[in-house]
Protein backbone atom coordinates (compact mmCIF):
# COMPACT_ATOMS: atom_id res chain seq x y z
CA MET A 1 74.42 109.69 114.05
CA ALA A 2 73.03 106.19 114.13
CA LEU A 3 72.73 104.55 110.75
CA GLU A 4 70.59 101.46 110.47
CA PRO A 5 72.02 98.65 108.34
CA LEU A 6 70.87 98.47 104.75
CA ARG A 7 67.65 96.50 104.52
CA PRO A 8 67.98 92.98 103.07
CA GLY A 9 67.22 92.77 99.40
CA LEU A 10 68.71 96.08 98.33
CA GLY A 11 71.03 95.41 95.44
CA ARG A 12 71.59 95.94 91.74
CA ALA A 13 68.07 94.89 90.77
CA ASP A 14 66.34 96.79 93.58
CA ALA A 15 64.97 100.23 92.76
CA SER A 16 66.31 101.58 96.08
CA ALA A 17 69.96 100.70 95.45
CA HIS A 18 72.26 103.72 95.15
CA PRO A 19 75.66 104.82 96.47
CA HIS A 20 74.26 106.10 99.73
CA GLY A 21 72.94 102.82 101.05
CA ASP A 22 69.36 103.73 101.92
CA PRO A 23 68.85 107.28 103.28
CA ARG A 24 65.38 106.26 104.49
CA GLY A 25 67.17 104.07 107.03
CA THR A 26 69.01 107.01 108.62
CA ARG A 27 66.73 107.53 111.57
CA CYS A 28 67.97 109.09 114.76
CA GLY A 29 65.02 110.26 116.85
CA GLY A 30 66.03 113.92 116.41
CA GLY A 31 65.04 116.70 114.02
CA ARG A 32 64.15 115.92 110.45
CA GLY A 33 66.24 117.40 107.66
CA ARG A 34 64.95 118.72 104.37
CA ARG A 35 62.50 116.63 102.38
CA GLY A 36 62.16 113.92 105.01
CA ILE A 37 65.84 113.02 105.39
CA ARG A 38 66.96 112.86 108.99
CA ARG A 39 69.86 115.20 109.66
CA HIS A 40 72.77 113.12 110.92
CA ASP A 41 74.82 114.13 113.91
CA ARG A 42 78.15 115.83 113.37
CA VAL A 43 81.46 115.07 114.99
CA ASP A 44 82.41 117.91 117.35
CA ARG A 45 86.12 117.36 117.70
CA ARG A 46 86.52 120.50 119.78
CA ARG A 47 84.65 118.87 122.63
CA GLY A 48 85.77 115.29 122.02
CA ARG A 49 84.15 112.07 121.05
CA ALA A 50 82.16 111.66 124.26
CA ARG A 51 79.86 114.59 123.38
CA ARG A 52 78.80 112.96 120.13
CA VAL A 53 78.05 109.59 121.70
CA GLU A 54 76.17 111.24 124.57
CA ARG A 55 74.15 113.36 122.13
CA GLY A 56 73.20 110.22 120.24
CA ARG A 57 71.92 108.67 123.46
CA ARG A 58 69.88 111.78 124.30
CA LEU A 59 68.25 111.73 120.86
CA GLY A 60 67.32 108.11 121.26
CA CYS A 61 69.88 106.88 118.73
CA ALA A 62 71.31 103.44 119.21
CA VAL A 63 75.00 103.82 120.04
CA PRO A 64 76.35 101.30 117.55
CA ALA A 65 78.16 98.18 118.55
CA VAL A 66 78.76 97.09 114.98
CA ARG A 67 81.90 95.58 113.52
CA LEU A 68 82.69 94.30 110.07
CA ALA A 69 82.76 90.54 109.73
CA SER A 70 85.96 88.91 108.57
CA PRO A 71 85.89 86.29 105.75
CA ALA A 72 86.31 83.61 108.40
CA GLU A 73 83.05 84.78 109.99
CA GLY A 74 81.08 84.22 106.84
CA ALA A 75 81.35 87.60 105.12
CA ALA A 76 80.42 87.61 101.44
CA PRO A 77 83.36 87.06 99.06
CA ARG A 78 84.93 90.30 97.90
CA GLU A 79 84.37 91.15 94.30
CA LYS A 80 87.35 91.46 92.00
CA GLY A 81 88.84 94.94 92.12
CA THR A 82 87.77 95.61 95.71
CA ALA A 83 89.90 96.24 98.82
CA VAL A 84 88.38 96.73 102.28
CA THR A 85 89.78 97.95 105.61
CA ASP A 86 88.10 98.92 108.89
CA ARG A 87 87.81 102.54 107.68
CA SER A 88 87.78 102.40 103.90
CA PHE A 89 87.11 100.44 100.77
CA SER A 90 88.49 100.76 97.24
CA LEU A 91 86.82 99.79 93.97
CA THR A 92 88.81 99.47 90.76
CA ARG A 93 87.46 99.38 87.22
CA ILE A 94 89.03 99.45 83.76
CA LEU A 95 87.22 101.83 81.41
CA ASP A 96 87.53 101.83 77.64
CA ALA A 97 88.39 105.53 77.41
CA PRO A 98 91.40 107.75 78.15
CA PRO A 99 91.74 109.39 81.60
CA SER A 100 90.71 112.80 80.25
CA HIS A 101 87.30 111.41 79.18
CA VAL A 102 86.72 109.62 82.47
CA PHE A 103 87.76 112.68 84.47
CA ARG A 104 85.22 114.80 82.56
CA ALA A 105 82.52 112.23 83.33
CA TRP A 106 83.05 113.12 87.01
CA THR A 107 83.30 116.90 86.63
CA ASP A 108 81.11 117.95 83.68
CA PRO A 109 77.44 118.36 84.70
CA ALA A 110 76.35 117.33 81.22
CA ARG A 111 78.09 113.96 81.69
CA LEU A 112 77.04 113.13 85.26
CA GLY A 113 73.79 111.43 84.33
CA TRP A 114 75.41 108.05 85.02
CA PHE A 115 75.30 108.86 88.75
CA PHE A 116 71.50 108.60 88.78
CA ASN A 117 69.95 105.22 89.47
CA PRO A 118 68.00 104.42 86.28
CA HIS A 119 65.37 102.58 88.35
CA GLN A 120 64.47 105.78 90.22
CA PRO A 121 62.86 109.03 89.02
CA ILE A 122 65.27 111.47 87.37
CA PRO A 123 64.69 115.01 88.70
CA ASN A 124 64.57 118.09 86.50
CA ASP A 125 66.92 120.02 88.79
CA PRO A 126 70.19 120.92 87.04
CA ILE A 127 73.38 119.27 88.26
CA GLU A 128 75.71 121.91 89.69
CA VAL A 129 79.50 121.50 89.57
CA ASP A 130 82.23 123.98 90.49
CA PRO A 131 85.38 121.91 89.78
CA SER A 132 87.76 123.88 91.99
CA VAL A 133 89.22 123.25 95.43
CA GLY A 134 86.49 124.32 97.87
CA GLY A 135 83.91 124.19 95.08
CA THR A 136 80.83 122.01 95.24
CA TRP A 137 79.11 119.29 93.25
CA ARG A 138 75.36 119.19 93.99
CA GLN A 139 73.09 116.59 92.42
CA ARG A 140 69.44 116.10 93.36
CA MET A 141 68.37 112.50 93.94
CA VAL A 142 64.83 111.09 94.08
CA VAL A 143 64.18 107.69 95.66
CA GLU A 144 60.41 108.20 95.80
CA ASP A 145 58.07 111.16 96.24
CA ALA A 146 58.70 111.27 99.99
CA THR A 147 62.47 110.80 99.77
CA VAL A 148 64.27 113.55 97.87
CA TYR A 149 67.73 114.79 98.81
CA THR A 150 70.88 116.42 97.47
CA THR A 151 74.23 114.67 97.33
CA GLY A 152 77.57 115.31 95.65
CA GLY A 153 80.58 116.74 97.43
CA ILE A 154 82.95 119.54 98.31
CA TYR A 155 86.23 119.28 96.40
CA ARG A 156 89.41 119.05 98.45
CA GLU A 157 91.96 118.21 95.74
CA ILE A 158 91.79 118.30 91.95
CA VAL A 159 94.52 117.18 89.56
CA PRO A 160 92.96 117.24 86.09
CA ASP A 161 92.82 113.83 84.40
CA GLU A 162 94.64 112.24 87.36
CA ARG A 163 92.94 112.63 90.73
CA LEU A 164 89.82 113.92 92.52
CA VAL A 165 89.31 114.13 96.28
CA PHE A 166 86.02 115.31 97.75
CA ALA A 167 84.05 115.17 100.97
CA TRP A 168 81.00 113.16 99.97
CA GLY A 169 77.55 114.69 100.50
CA ALA A 170 76.07 118.17 100.59
CA VAL A 171 75.27 120.94 103.04
CA ASP A 172 71.68 120.16 104.14
CA GLY A 173 71.90 117.01 102.01
CA TRP A 174 72.92 113.40 102.45
CA PRO A 175 75.44 112.64 103.77
CA GLU A 176 75.17 116.03 105.44
CA LEU A 177 78.38 118.03 105.17
CA ASP A 178 79.79 120.54 107.62
CA PRO A 179 82.00 122.89 105.54
CA ASP A 180 84.02 123.60 108.70
CA ASP A 181 84.74 119.92 109.34
CA LEU A 182 84.98 117.96 106.10
CA ASP A 183 86.44 114.97 107.95
CA ALA A 184 83.21 114.43 109.91
CA GLY A 185 81.87 112.10 107.21
CA PRO A 186 83.13 109.90 104.37
CA ASN A 187 85.64 111.27 101.87
CA VAL A 188 86.12 109.94 98.35
CA THR A 189 89.33 109.76 96.31
CA VAL A 190 89.16 108.91 92.61
CA THR A 191 92.33 108.22 90.65
CA PHE A 192 92.65 107.88 86.86
CA THR A 193 95.63 105.87 85.60
CA PRO A 194 96.28 105.34 81.87
CA VAL A 195 96.48 101.72 80.77
CA GLY A 196 97.27 101.87 77.07
CA GLU A 197 94.25 103.64 75.58
CA ALA A 198 92.08 102.72 78.56
CA THR A 199 91.89 103.98 82.18
CA ARG A 200 92.24 102.22 85.48
CA MET A 201 89.86 104.09 87.78
CA THR A 202 90.08 103.50 91.54
CA VAL A 203 87.41 104.91 93.85
CA THR A 204 88.32 104.89 97.56
CA VAL A 205 85.80 105.84 100.24
CA THR A 206 87.41 106.60 103.61
CA VAL A 207 86.16 107.56 107.06
CA ALA A 208 88.68 109.80 108.85
CA ASP A 209 90.52 108.69 111.99
CA SER A 210 88.80 111.51 113.89
CA VAL A 211 85.44 109.72 113.58
CA PRO A 212 84.86 107.31 116.50
CA ASP A 213 85.36 103.66 115.55
CA PRO A 214 81.74 102.52 116.03
CA PHE A 215 80.43 105.22 113.70
CA ALA A 216 83.15 104.56 111.11
CA GLN A 217 82.38 100.85 111.08
CA GLU A 218 78.66 101.51 110.88
CA TRP A 219 79.14 103.68 107.77
CA LEU A 220 81.00 100.86 106.05
CA ALA A 221 78.62 98.15 107.23
CA ARG A 222 75.39 99.67 105.93
CA GLY A 223 75.69 98.96 102.20
CA ILE A 224 77.51 101.95 100.74
CA ARG A 225 80.22 99.75 99.20
CA GLU A 226 77.65 97.80 97.21
CA GLY A 227 75.90 101.01 96.21
CA TRP A 228 79.09 102.69 95.01
CA SER A 229 80.04 99.51 93.15
CA ASP A 230 76.74 99.50 91.26
CA THR A 231 77.06 103.21 90.54
CA ILE A 232 80.53 103.14 89.01
CA ASP A 233 79.53 100.08 86.97
CA ARG A 234 77.06 102.40 85.22
CA LEU A 235 79.95 104.70 84.33
CA VAL A 236 81.87 101.75 82.89
CA ASP A 237 78.85 101.02 80.67
CA VAL A 238 78.42 104.54 79.28
CA VAL A 239 81.85 106.16 79.11
């Protein structure tokens, strides 16, 4: 999988900004997935990292040589409530609601409207959530008429009102999930900690150690942190 960096100008005010960076930039010279989204390559750990890199070369993908800039190299200042490593980032927000309410905003289909970008079309497809380990969350997203995809996740751990862990994406969606290898792409952990009558919510997006370093760094360098930050800010506003 070769992921192009997020195009300049995508941000809170841009209609293309969403937690996935820009799926239109995921172009890899291979087959096209559903609804115009390029299917990204999967990590085949059974045959090692070399197979994935070689497959990317055969498909015409650029084998990334991307690294995250350090603050000393002119990286943008980190926003308050953000922690970044080479394989993960964490975003923290205080919400004016108890953990049980915030947890339901992540797991009740009727309350997941905040995940849509209000500057993009809202599809009529119902949001599907099976809040159990191994269950799925599927939410249709529309960037424009030619760019429609499903995202969400497969749940790996659920502690009601305290913690959610899911592999981010969808089977035949974006990011594309392999149910047999949920570590092949980013995973998301959300924790809900009571602070008086409010909740400290921390969202951590992590790329597993099994993913080769260049691909892990490329995920984190392409704008998904900014997109997730904008997305959870919408939850802060509506909860």
